[in-house]
Amino acid sequence: MFCTRCGHDNPDDARFCAQCGAPLSRVEYASSPDATSIFQPGSFDEAGLGDEQGEEHAGAVDALPPGSALLVVKRGPNAGSRFLLDQDVTTAGRHPDSDIFLDDVTVSRRHAEFRREAGGFVVHDVGSLNGTYVNRQRIDVAALAGGDEVQVGKFRLLYLAGARTIGEEQVQAR
């Protein structure tokens, strides 16, 4: 069972996450004829992930609540760490009060914000010294798509989108 807070793979009978201590709950989606799930094969390979890494994160993405996303640290300190984007605004920076605490001198205290908007998440650089990059392009604001690489200081984060709900339909975000 994957933790929806940090993405850690826990035993099926676990009640709390062994990584972050969050309570675990089984999410059962009611099947209805109006529900549609879309999966695009190869989306992990297009993101530069091998099959093993793609499969490793696929379970965590499947466990995400609708309308949320996951950031996975690809490079930098804490490689492999996962951060859940499940709020309207998630802050990232070196300040200890940041939602995503990235402890490195290349990261500004208040570096970036991930904002949930109609179609998914948008990353905003909030005046950082070293800039925020999406797919190696410096940005002020950028809409994120599944598989995008976000660079904050020397941290490289892989953006993985969860399902989103549109009316009665649950759709796998691209």
N, C-alpha and C. Protein backbone atom coordinates (compact mmCIF):
# COMPACT_ATOMS: atom_id res chain seq x y z
N MET A 1 0.86 -1.17 0.00
CA MET A 1 0.00 0.00 0.00
C MET A 1 0.91 1.23 0.00
N PHE A 2 0.66 2.14 -0.93
CA PHE A 2 1.47 3.34 -1.06
C PHE A 2 0.90 4.47 -0.21
N CYS A 3 1.80 5.19 0.47
CA CYS A 3 1.41 6.34 1.28
C CYS A 3 1.08 7.50 0.34
N THR A 4 -0.05 8.15 0.57
CA THR A 4 -0.42 9.28 -0.28
C THR A 4 0.31 10.56 0.12
N ARG A 5 0.96 10.57 1.27
CA ARG A 5 1.72 11.76 1.67
C ARG A 5 3.12 11.74 1.08
N CYS A 6 3.85 10.61 1.24
CA CYS A 6 5.25 10.58 0.78
C CYS A 6 5.49 9.58 -0.33
N GLY A 7 4.52 8.70 -0.62
CA GLY A 7 4.66 7.74 -1.70
C GLY A 7 5.38 6.46 -1.34
N HIS A 8 5.74 6.28 -0.06
CA HIS A 8 6.47 5.08 0.37
C HIS A 8 5.60 3.83 0.20
N ASP A 9 6.21 2.74 -0.26
CA ASP A 9 5.50 1.46 -0.43
C ASP A 9 5.52 0.72 0.91
N ASN A 10 4.37 0.58 1.53
CA ASN A 10 4.22 -0.07 2.83
C ASN A 10 3.58 -1.44 2.66
N PRO A 11 3.73 -2.33 3.65
CA PRO A 11 3.04 -3.62 3.60
C PRO A 11 1.52 -3.39 3.52
N ASP A 12 0.81 -4.32 2.89
CA ASP A 12 -0.63 -4.17 2.68
C ASP A 12 -1.42 -4.06 3.98
N ASP A 13 -0.92 -4.65 5.07
CA ASP A 13 -1.66 -4.61 6.33
C ASP A 13 -1.26 -3.45 7.23
N ALA A 14 -0.36 -2.56 6.76
CA ALA A 14 0.11 -1.44 7.58
C ALA A 14 -1.01 -0.43 7.79
N ARG A 15 -1.03 0.16 8.98
CA ARG A 15 -2.01 1.20 9.29
C ARG A 15 -1.40 2.58 9.22
N PHE A 16 -0.04 2.65 9.37
CA PHE A 16 0.69 3.91 9.32
C PHE A 16 1.90 3.75 8.42
N CYS A 17 2.32 4.83 7.78
CA CYS A 17 3.47 4.79 6.87
C CYS A 17 4.76 4.63 7.67
N ALA A 18 5.59 3.68 7.25
CA ALA A 18 6.86 3.44 7.93
C ALA A 18 7.85 4.57 7.66
N GLN A 19 7.66 5.34 6.59
CA GLN A 19 8.57 6.42 6.22
C GLN A 19 8.25 7.73 6.93
N CYS A 20 6.96 8.16 6.87
CA CYS A 20 6.61 9.48 7.40
C CYS A 20 5.61 9.43 8.56
N GLY A 21 5.05 8.25 8.86
CA GLY A 21 4.13 8.11 9.99
C GLY A 21 2.68 8.49 9.70
N ALA A 22 2.38 8.86 8.47
CA ALA A 22 1.01 9.26 8.13
C ALA A 22 0.07 8.05 8.22
N PRO A 23 -1.17 8.27 8.65
CA PRO A 23 -2.13 7.16 8.66
C PRO A 23 -2.42 6.72 7.23
N LEU A 24 -2.53 5.41 7.04
CA LEU A 24 -2.81 4.85 5.72
C LEU A 24 -4.27 4.46 5.64
N SER A 25 -4.85 4.66 4.50
CA SER A 25 -6.22 4.22 4.29
C SER A 25 -6.35 3.71 2.87
N ARG A 26 -7.17 2.71 2.73
CA ARG A 26 -7.43 2.18 1.39
C ARG A 26 -8.43 3.09 0.70
N VAL A 27 -8.09 3.49 -0.49
CA VAL A 27 -8.99 4.32 -1.28
C VAL A 27 -9.65 3.41 -2.29
N GLU A 28 -10.95 3.26 -2.16
CA GLU A 28 -11.72 2.45 -3.10
C GLU A 28 -12.56 3.41 -3.93
N TYR A 29 -12.39 3.37 -5.22
CA TYR A 29 -13.19 4.20 -6.10
C TYR A 29 -14.37 3.38 -6.57
N ALA A 30 -15.55 3.93 -6.42
CA ALA A 30 -16.74 3.24 -6.89
C ALA A 30 -16.70 3.20 -8.41
N SER A 31 -16.93 2.01 -8.93
CA SER A 31 -16.94 1.93 -10.39
C SER A 31 -18.34 2.28 -10.86
N SER A 32 -18.36 3.06 -11.89
CA SER A 32 -19.64 3.43 -12.48
C SER A 32 -19.46 3.50 -13.98
N PRO A 33 -20.53 3.35 -14.72
CA PRO A 33 -20.39 3.41 -16.17
C PRO A 33 -19.93 4.78 -16.65
N ASP A 34 -20.05 5.82 -15.81
CA ASP A 34 -19.63 7.16 -16.21
C ASP A 34 -18.15 7.42 -15.96
N ALA A 35 -17.46 6.53 -15.23
CA ALA A 35 -16.05 6.74 -14.90
C ALA A 35 -15.17 6.24 -16.03
N THR A 36 -14.18 7.05 -16.38
CA THR A 36 -13.25 6.70 -17.45
C THR A 36 -11.84 6.92 -16.95
N SER A 37 -10.97 5.95 -17.14
CA SER A 37 -9.56 6.11 -16.81
C SER A 37 -8.77 6.03 -18.10
N ILE A 38 -7.83 6.94 -18.25
CA ILE A 38 -7.00 6.94 -19.45
C ILE A 38 -5.56 6.77 -19.01
N PHE A 39 -4.87 5.82 -19.61
CA PHE A 39 -3.45 5.60 -19.32
C PHE A 39 -2.71 5.66 -20.63
N GLN A 40 -1.61 6.37 -20.65
CA GLN A 40 -0.82 6.47 -21.86
C GLN A 40 0.45 5.68 -21.69
N PRO A 41 0.56 4.53 -22.37
CA PRO A 41 1.77 3.72 -22.28
C PRO A 41 2.98 4.52 -22.72
N GLY A 42 4.10 4.26 -22.05
CA GLY A 42 5.35 4.91 -22.43
C GLY A 42 5.55 6.26 -21.80
N SER A 43 4.61 6.75 -20.99
CA SER A 43 4.77 8.08 -20.42
C SER A 43 5.98 8.16 -19.51
N PHE A 44 6.33 7.05 -18.84
CA PHE A 44 7.51 7.08 -17.99
C PHE A 44 8.78 7.07 -18.82
N ASP A 45 8.79 6.31 -19.94
CA ASP A 45 9.97 6.29 -20.79
C ASP A 45 10.20 7.65 -21.42
N GLU A 46 9.13 8.35 -21.82
CA GLU A 46 9.28 9.68 -22.40
C GLU A 46 9.87 10.64 -21.39
N ALA A 47 9.65 10.38 -20.11
CA ALA A 47 10.19 11.26 -19.08
C ALA A 47 11.64 10.95 -18.79
N GLY A 48 12.23 9.99 -19.49
CA GLY A 48 13.63 9.67 -19.27
C GLY A 48 13.82 8.67 -18.16
N LEU A 49 12.78 7.96 -17.78
CA LEU A 49 12.88 6.96 -16.74
C LEU A 49 12.98 5.59 -17.39
N GLY A 50 13.76 4.73 -16.81
CA GLY A 50 13.78 3.35 -17.28
C GLY A 50 12.53 2.64 -16.82
N ASP A 51 12.32 1.42 -17.33
CA ASP A 51 11.13 0.66 -16.96
C ASP A 51 11.06 0.42 -15.46
N GLU A 52 12.22 0.12 -14.82
CA GLU A 52 12.20 -0.17 -13.39
C GLU A 52 11.75 1.04 -12.60
N GLN A 53 12.30 2.23 -12.90
CA GLN A 53 11.90 3.43 -12.17
C GLN A 53 10.45 3.77 -12.45
N GLY A 54 10.02 3.62 -13.70
CA GLY A 54 8.63 3.92 -14.05
C GLY A 54 7.67 3.04 -13.28
N GLU A 55 7.98 1.74 -13.20
CA GLU A 55 7.11 0.83 -12.46
C GLU A 55 7.13 1.16 -10.97
N GLU A 56 8.29 1.54 -10.45
CA GLU A 56 8.41 1.88 -9.03
C GLU A 56 7.48 3.04 -8.68
N HIS A 57 7.42 4.05 -9.52
CA HIS A 57 6.60 5.23 -9.24
C HIS A 57 5.16 5.07 -9.71
N ALA A 58 4.91 4.11 -10.61
CA ALA A 58 3.55 3.91 -11.13
C ALA A 58 2.58 3.58 -10.00
N GLY A 59 3.00 2.75 -9.06
CA GLY A 59 2.13 2.40 -7.93
C GLY A 59 1.81 3.61 -7.07
N ALA A 60 2.80 4.47 -6.87
CA ALA A 60 2.58 5.67 -6.07
C ALA A 60 1.62 6.62 -6.78
N VAL A 61 1.77 6.74 -8.10
CA VAL A 61 0.89 7.61 -8.87
C VAL A 61 -0.54 7.07 -8.84
N ASP A 62 -0.69 5.75 -8.97
CA ASP A 62 -2.03 5.14 -8.92
C ASP A 62 -2.71 5.38 -7.58
N ALA A 63 -1.92 5.49 -6.50
CA ALA A 63 -2.47 5.67 -5.15
C ALA A 63 -2.79 7.12 -4.83
N LEU A 64 -2.44 8.04 -5.72
CA LEU A 64 -2.68 9.46 -5.45
C LEU A 64 -4.17 9.78 -5.45
N PRO A 65 -4.59 10.64 -4.54
CA PRO A 65 -5.98 11.10 -4.58
C PRO A 65 -6.21 11.92 -5.85
N PRO A 66 -7.43 11.92 -6.39
CA PRO A 66 -7.72 12.73 -7.58
C PRO A 66 -7.38 14.19 -7.33
N GLY A 67 -6.79 14.84 -8.34
CA GLY A 67 -6.44 16.25 -8.24
C GLY A 67 -5.11 16.52 -7.58
N SER A 68 -4.35 15.48 -7.27
CA SER A 68 -3.05 15.68 -6.64
C SER A 68 -1.95 15.22 -7.59
N ALA A 69 -0.70 15.46 -7.19
CA ALA A 69 0.45 15.08 -8.00
C ALA A 69 1.60 14.74 -7.06
N LEU A 70 2.67 14.23 -7.64
CA LEU A 70 3.82 13.80 -6.86
C LEU A 70 5.08 14.39 -7.48
N LEU A 71 5.99 14.87 -6.64
CA LEU A 71 7.31 15.28 -7.07
C LEU A 71 8.31 14.28 -6.51
N VAL A 72 9.15 13.72 -7.37
CA VAL A 72 10.15 12.75 -6.96
C VAL A 72 11.52 13.36 -7.20
N VAL A 73 12.38 13.36 -6.17
CA VAL A 73 13.73 13.91 -6.32
C VAL A 73 14.56 12.94 -7.15
N LYS A 74 14.94 13.36 -8.37
CA LYS A 74 15.76 12.54 -9.25
C LYS A 74 17.24 12.71 -8.94
N ARG A 75 17.65 13.97 -8.72
CA ARG A 75 19.05 14.27 -8.44
C ARG A 75 19.13 15.31 -7.34
N GLY A 76 20.25 15.22 -6.60
CA GLY A 76 20.45 16.16 -5.52
C GLY A 76 20.34 15.44 -4.19
N PRO A 77 20.56 16.18 -3.11
CA PRO A 77 20.40 15.58 -1.79
C PRO A 77 18.99 14.98 -1.68
N ASN A 78 18.88 13.90 -0.97
CA ASN A 78 17.59 13.21 -0.77
C ASN A 78 17.03 12.61 -2.05
N ALA A 79 17.88 12.18 -2.97
CA ALA A 79 17.40 11.54 -4.20
C ALA A 79 16.48 10.39 -3.84
N GLY A 80 15.36 10.30 -4.54
CA GLY A 80 14.36 9.26 -4.27
C GLY A 80 13.23 9.72 -3.37
N SER A 81 13.42 10.84 -2.67
CA SER A 81 12.35 11.36 -1.81
C SER A 81 11.16 11.78 -2.67
N ARG A 82 9.98 11.67 -2.09
CA ARG A 82 8.75 12.03 -2.79
C ARG A 82 7.99 13.08 -2.00
N PHE A 83 7.43 14.04 -2.72
CA PHE A 83 6.65 15.10 -2.11
C PHE A 83 5.27 15.13 -2.75
N LEU A 84 4.25 15.09 -1.93
CA LEU A 84 2.87 15.08 -2.40
C LEU A 84 2.39 16.51 -2.62
N LEU A 85 1.84 16.78 -3.78
CA LEU A 85 1.19 18.06 -4.06
C LEU A 85 -0.31 17.82 -3.94
N ASP A 86 -0.87 18.22 -2.80
CA ASP A 86 -2.30 17.99 -2.59
C ASP A 86 -3.01 19.21 -2.01
N GLN A 87 -2.30 20.35 -2.00
CA GLN A 87 -2.88 21.60 -1.51
C GLN A 87 -3.02 22.56 -2.69
N ASP A 88 -3.79 23.62 -2.49
CA ASP A 88 -3.93 24.62 -3.56
C ASP A 88 -2.60 25.32 -3.81
N VAL A 89 -1.81 25.56 -2.75
CA VAL A 89 -0.49 26.16 -2.88
C VAL A 89 0.48 25.36 -2.02
N THR A 90 1.56 24.89 -2.64
CA THR A 90 2.62 24.17 -1.93
C THR A 90 3.91 24.94 -2.14
N THR A 91 4.56 25.34 -1.04
CA THR A 91 5.78 26.14 -1.13
C THR A 91 7.01 25.24 -1.11
N ALA A 92 8.06 25.68 -1.82
CA ALA A 92 9.33 24.95 -1.83
C ALA A 92 10.45 25.95 -1.58
N GLY A 93 11.38 25.55 -0.72
CA GLY A 93 12.51 26.42 -0.44
C GLY A 93 13.34 25.92 0.72
N ARG A 94 14.31 26.75 1.11
CA ARG A 94 15.24 26.40 2.18
C ARG A 94 14.71 26.82 3.55
N HIS A 95 13.63 27.58 3.59
CA HIS A 95 13.04 27.99 4.87
C HIS A 95 12.42 26.77 5.53
N PRO A 96 12.67 26.57 6.84
CA PRO A 96 12.14 25.38 7.52
C PRO A 96 10.61 25.28 7.48
N ASP A 97 9.91 26.38 7.28
CA ASP A 97 8.44 26.34 7.21
C ASP A 97 7.92 26.00 5.82
N SER A 98 8.82 25.80 4.85
CA SER A 98 8.38 25.44 3.50
C SER A 98 7.70 24.08 3.53
N ASP A 99 6.68 23.92 2.70
CA ASP A 99 6.02 22.61 2.59
C ASP A 99 6.99 21.57 2.05
N ILE A 100 7.82 21.99 1.09
CA ILE A 100 8.88 21.13 0.55
C ILE A 100 10.19 21.77 0.96
N PHE A 101 10.82 21.22 1.99
CA PHE A 101 12.05 21.77 2.55
C PHE A 101 13.23 21.19 1.79
N LEU A 102 13.95 22.05 1.06
CA LEU A 102 15.10 21.64 0.27
C LEU A 102 16.33 22.31 0.87
N ASP A 103 17.05 21.58 1.69
CA ASP A 103 18.14 22.13 2.49
C ASP A 103 19.45 22.12 1.71
N ASP A 104 19.67 23.19 0.96
CA ASP A 104 20.92 23.34 0.23
C ASP A 104 21.10 24.82 -0.09
N VAL A 105 22.37 25.29 -0.10
CA VAL A 105 22.63 26.71 -0.32
C VAL A 105 22.24 27.18 -1.72
N THR A 106 22.04 26.27 -2.67
CA THR A 106 21.64 26.66 -4.02
C THR A 106 20.14 26.97 -4.11
N VAL A 107 19.42 26.73 -3.02
CA VAL A 107 17.97 26.95 -2.96
C VAL A 107 17.71 28.19 -2.11
N SER A 108 16.88 29.10 -2.62
CA SER A 108 16.51 30.29 -1.86
C SER A 108 15.56 29.90 -0.73
N ARG A 109 15.50 30.75 0.29
CA ARG A 109 14.60 30.45 1.42
C ARG A 109 13.16 30.27 0.94
N ARG A 110 12.71 31.16 0.10
CA ARG A 110 11.39 31.04 -0.53
C ARG A 110 11.67 31.00 -2.02
N HIS A 111 11.68 29.80 -2.58
CA HIS A 111 12.17 29.61 -3.94
C HIS A 111 11.05 29.51 -4.97
N ALA A 112 10.09 28.61 -4.74
CA ALA A 112 9.04 28.37 -5.74
C ALA A 112 7.74 27.97 -5.05
N GLU A 113 6.65 28.11 -5.80
CA GLU A 113 5.34 27.66 -5.34
C GLU A 113 4.71 26.80 -6.43
N PHE A 114 4.07 25.72 -6.01
CA PHE A 114 3.31 24.86 -6.90
C PHE A 114 1.84 25.15 -6.60
N ARG A 115 1.13 25.66 -7.59
CA ARG A 115 -0.27 26.06 -7.39
C ARG A 115 -1.18 25.16 -8.22
N ARG A 116 -2.23 24.67 -7.54
CA ARG A 116 -3.22 23.86 -8.24
C ARG A 116 -4.15 24.80 -9.00
N GLU A 117 -4.26 24.59 -10.29
CA GLU A 117 -5.15 25.37 -11.13
C GLU A 117 -6.02 24.41 -11.92
N ALA A 118 -6.94 24.93 -12.70
CA ALA A 118 -7.98 24.12 -13.36
C ALA A 118 -7.48 22.82 -13.97
N GLY A 119 -6.44 22.86 -14.76
CA GLY A 119 -6.02 21.65 -15.46
C GLY A 119 -4.92 20.87 -14.78
N GLY A 120 -4.45 21.29 -13.63
CA GLY A 120 -3.35 20.59 -12.97
C GLY A 120 -2.56 21.56 -12.10
N PHE A 121 -1.23 21.45 -12.15
CA PHE A 121 -0.39 22.30 -11.32
C PHE A 121 0.47 23.23 -12.18
N VAL A 122 0.73 24.42 -11.61
CA VAL A 122 1.57 25.42 -12.24
C VAL A 122 2.66 25.77 -11.24
N VAL A 123 3.92 25.86 -11.70
CA VAL A 123 5.02 26.23 -10.82
C VAL A 123 5.35 27.70 -11.06
N HIS A 124 5.53 28.44 -9.95
CA HIS A 124 5.87 29.86 -9.99
C HIS A 124 7.21 30.05 -9.28
N ASP A 125 8.16 30.71 -9.91
CA ASP A 125 9.37 31.13 -9.22
C ASP A 125 8.98 32.37 -8.42
N VAL A 126 9.33 32.41 -7.13
CA VAL A 126 8.92 33.53 -6.29
C VAL A 126 10.11 34.43 -5.95
N GLY A 127 10.91 34.75 -6.97
CA GLY A 127 12.02 35.66 -6.78
C GLY A 127 13.29 35.00 -6.28
N SER A 128 13.51 33.76 -6.66
CA SER A 128 14.71 33.05 -6.21
C SER A 128 15.96 33.61 -6.88
N LEU A 129 17.10 33.44 -6.24
CA LEU A 129 18.37 33.92 -6.78
C LEU A 129 18.82 33.08 -7.97
N ASN A 130 18.76 31.76 -7.86
CA ASN A 130 19.27 30.87 -8.90
C ASN A 130 18.23 30.45 -9.93
N GLY A 131 16.99 30.85 -9.75
CA GLY A 131 15.96 30.54 -10.73
C GLY A 131 15.33 29.17 -10.55
N THR A 132 14.22 29.00 -11.22
CA THR A 132 13.50 27.73 -11.27
C THR A 132 13.43 27.34 -12.74
N TYR A 133 13.67 26.06 -13.01
CA TYR A 133 13.73 25.58 -14.39
C TYR A 133 12.72 24.45 -14.58
N VAL A 134 12.08 24.43 -15.74
CA VAL A 134 11.23 23.32 -16.14
C VAL A 134 11.79 22.80 -17.45
N ASN A 135 12.17 21.53 -17.44
CA ASN A 135 12.79 20.90 -18.61
C ASN A 135 13.97 21.73 -19.13
N ARG A 136 14.78 22.21 -18.18
CA ARG A 136 16.02 22.95 -18.42
C ARG A 136 15.84 24.35 -18.99
N GLN A 137 14.63 24.86 -18.95
CA GLN A 137 14.35 26.23 -19.38
C GLN A 137 13.98 27.06 -18.15
N ARG A 138 14.68 28.20 -17.96
CA ARG A 138 14.36 29.05 -16.81
C ARG A 138 12.96 29.63 -17.00
N ILE A 139 12.19 29.61 -15.93
CA ILE A 139 10.80 30.07 -16.02
C ILE A 139 10.48 31.04 -14.88
N ASP A 140 9.46 31.84 -15.09
CA ASP A 140 8.83 32.59 -14.01
C ASP A 140 7.57 31.85 -13.59
N VAL A 141 6.82 31.38 -14.60
CA VAL A 141 5.60 30.61 -14.39
C VAL A 141 5.53 29.57 -15.49
N ALA A 142 5.17 28.33 -15.14
CA ALA A 142 5.02 27.29 -16.16
C ALA A 142 3.99 26.26 -15.70
N ALA A 143 3.10 25.88 -16.62
CA ALA A 143 2.16 24.79 -16.38
C ALA A 143 2.93 23.48 -16.48
N LEU A 144 2.65 22.55 -15.58
CA LEU A 144 3.37 21.28 -15.54
C LEU A 144 2.55 20.17 -16.19
N ALA A 145 3.27 19.27 -16.85
CA ALA A 145 2.67 18.07 -17.44
C ALA A 145 3.42 16.87 -16.88
N GLY A 146 2.76 15.72 -16.83
CA GLY A 146 3.39 14.52 -16.31
C GLY A 146 4.71 14.24 -17.00
N GLY A 147 5.75 13.98 -16.22
CA GLY A 147 7.07 13.69 -16.77
C GLY A 147 7.98 14.90 -16.83
N ASP A 148 7.47 16.11 -16.55
CA ASP A 148 8.31 17.30 -16.57
C ASP A 148 9.35 17.23 -15.46
N GLU A 149 10.52 17.82 -15.73
CA GLU A 149 11.57 17.91 -14.73
C GLU A 149 11.63 19.35 -14.24
N VAL A 150 11.48 19.54 -12.93
CA VAL A 150 11.55 20.86 -12.31
C VAL A 150 12.86 20.93 -11.55
N GLN A 151 13.67 21.96 -11.83
CA GLN A 151 14.93 22.12 -11.11
C GLN A 151 14.84 23.31 -10.18
N VAL A 152 15.12 23.05 -8.90
CA VAL A 152 15.14 24.05 -7.85
C VAL A 152 16.51 23.94 -7.21
N GLY A 153 17.39 24.93 -7.46
CA GLY A 153 18.77 24.79 -7.01
C GLY A 153 19.39 23.58 -7.68
N LYS A 154 20.06 22.74 -6.88
CA LYS A 154 20.62 21.54 -7.51
C LYS A 154 19.71 20.32 -7.39
N PHE A 155 18.49 20.54 -6.93
CA PHE A 155 17.50 19.47 -6.86
C PHE A 155 16.79 19.36 -8.21
N ARG A 156 16.71 18.15 -8.73
CA ARG A 156 15.92 17.90 -9.94
C ARG A 156 14.75 17.02 -9.54
N LEU A 157 13.56 17.54 -9.76
CA LEU A 157 12.33 16.89 -9.31
C LEU A 157 11.51 16.46 -10.52
N LEU A 158 11.06 15.22 -10.50
CA LEU A 158 10.21 14.69 -11.55
C LEU A 158 8.76 14.91 -11.15
N TYR A 159 7.97 15.53 -12.02
CA TYR A 159 6.56 15.80 -11.75
C TYR A 159 5.72 14.66 -12.31
N LEU A 160 4.96 14.01 -11.44
CA LEU A 160 4.08 12.91 -11.84
C LEU A 160 2.66 13.29 -11.45
N ALA A 161 1.78 13.38 -12.42
CA ALA A 161 0.41 13.82 -12.18
C ALA A 161 -0.47 12.63 -11.84
N GLY A 162 -1.34 12.83 -10.86
CA GLY A 162 -2.32 11.81 -10.50
C GLY A 162 -3.59 12.01 -11.31
N ALA A 163 -4.59 11.23 -11.00
CA ALA A 163 -5.88 11.36 -11.67
C ALA A 163 -6.53 12.66 -11.25
N ARG A 164 -7.34 13.20 -12.11
CA ARG A 164 -8.10 14.39 -11.74
C ARG A 164 -9.57 14.09 -12.01
N THR A 165 -10.43 14.77 -11.32
CA THR A 165 -11.85 14.51 -11.47
C THR A 165 -12.48 15.63 -12.29
N ILE A 166 -13.20 15.25 -13.33
CA ILE A 166 -13.90 16.21 -14.18
C ILE A 166 -15.36 15.75 -14.21
N GLY A 167 -16.21 16.47 -13.52
CA GLY A 167 -17.62 16.05 -13.43
C GLY A 167 -17.69 14.69 -12.78
N GLU A 168 -18.28 13.72 -13.46
CA GLU A 168 -18.40 12.37 -12.95
C GLU A 168 -17.22 11.49 -13.34
N GLU A 169 -16.33 12.02 -14.18
CA GLU A 169 -15.26 11.18 -14.70
C GLU A 169 -13.98 11.35 -13.89
N GLN A 170 -13.25 10.25 -13.76
CA GLN A 170 -11.92 10.29 -13.18
C GLN A 170 -10.96 10.04 -14.34
N VAL A 171 -10.08 10.99 -14.61
CA VAL A 171 -9.22 10.92 -15.77
C VAL A 171 -7.77 10.92 -15.31
N GLN A 172 -6.96 10.02 -15.88
CA GLN A 172 -5.54 9.99 -15.56
C GLN A 172 -4.89 11.19 -16.25
N ALA A 173 -4.25 12.07 -15.46
CA ALA A 173 -3.62 13.27 -16.01
C ALA A 173 -2.43 12.88 -16.87
N ARG A 174 -2.16 13.68 -17.86
CA ARG A 174 -1.04 13.39 -18.77
C ARG A 174 0.22 14.03 -18.29
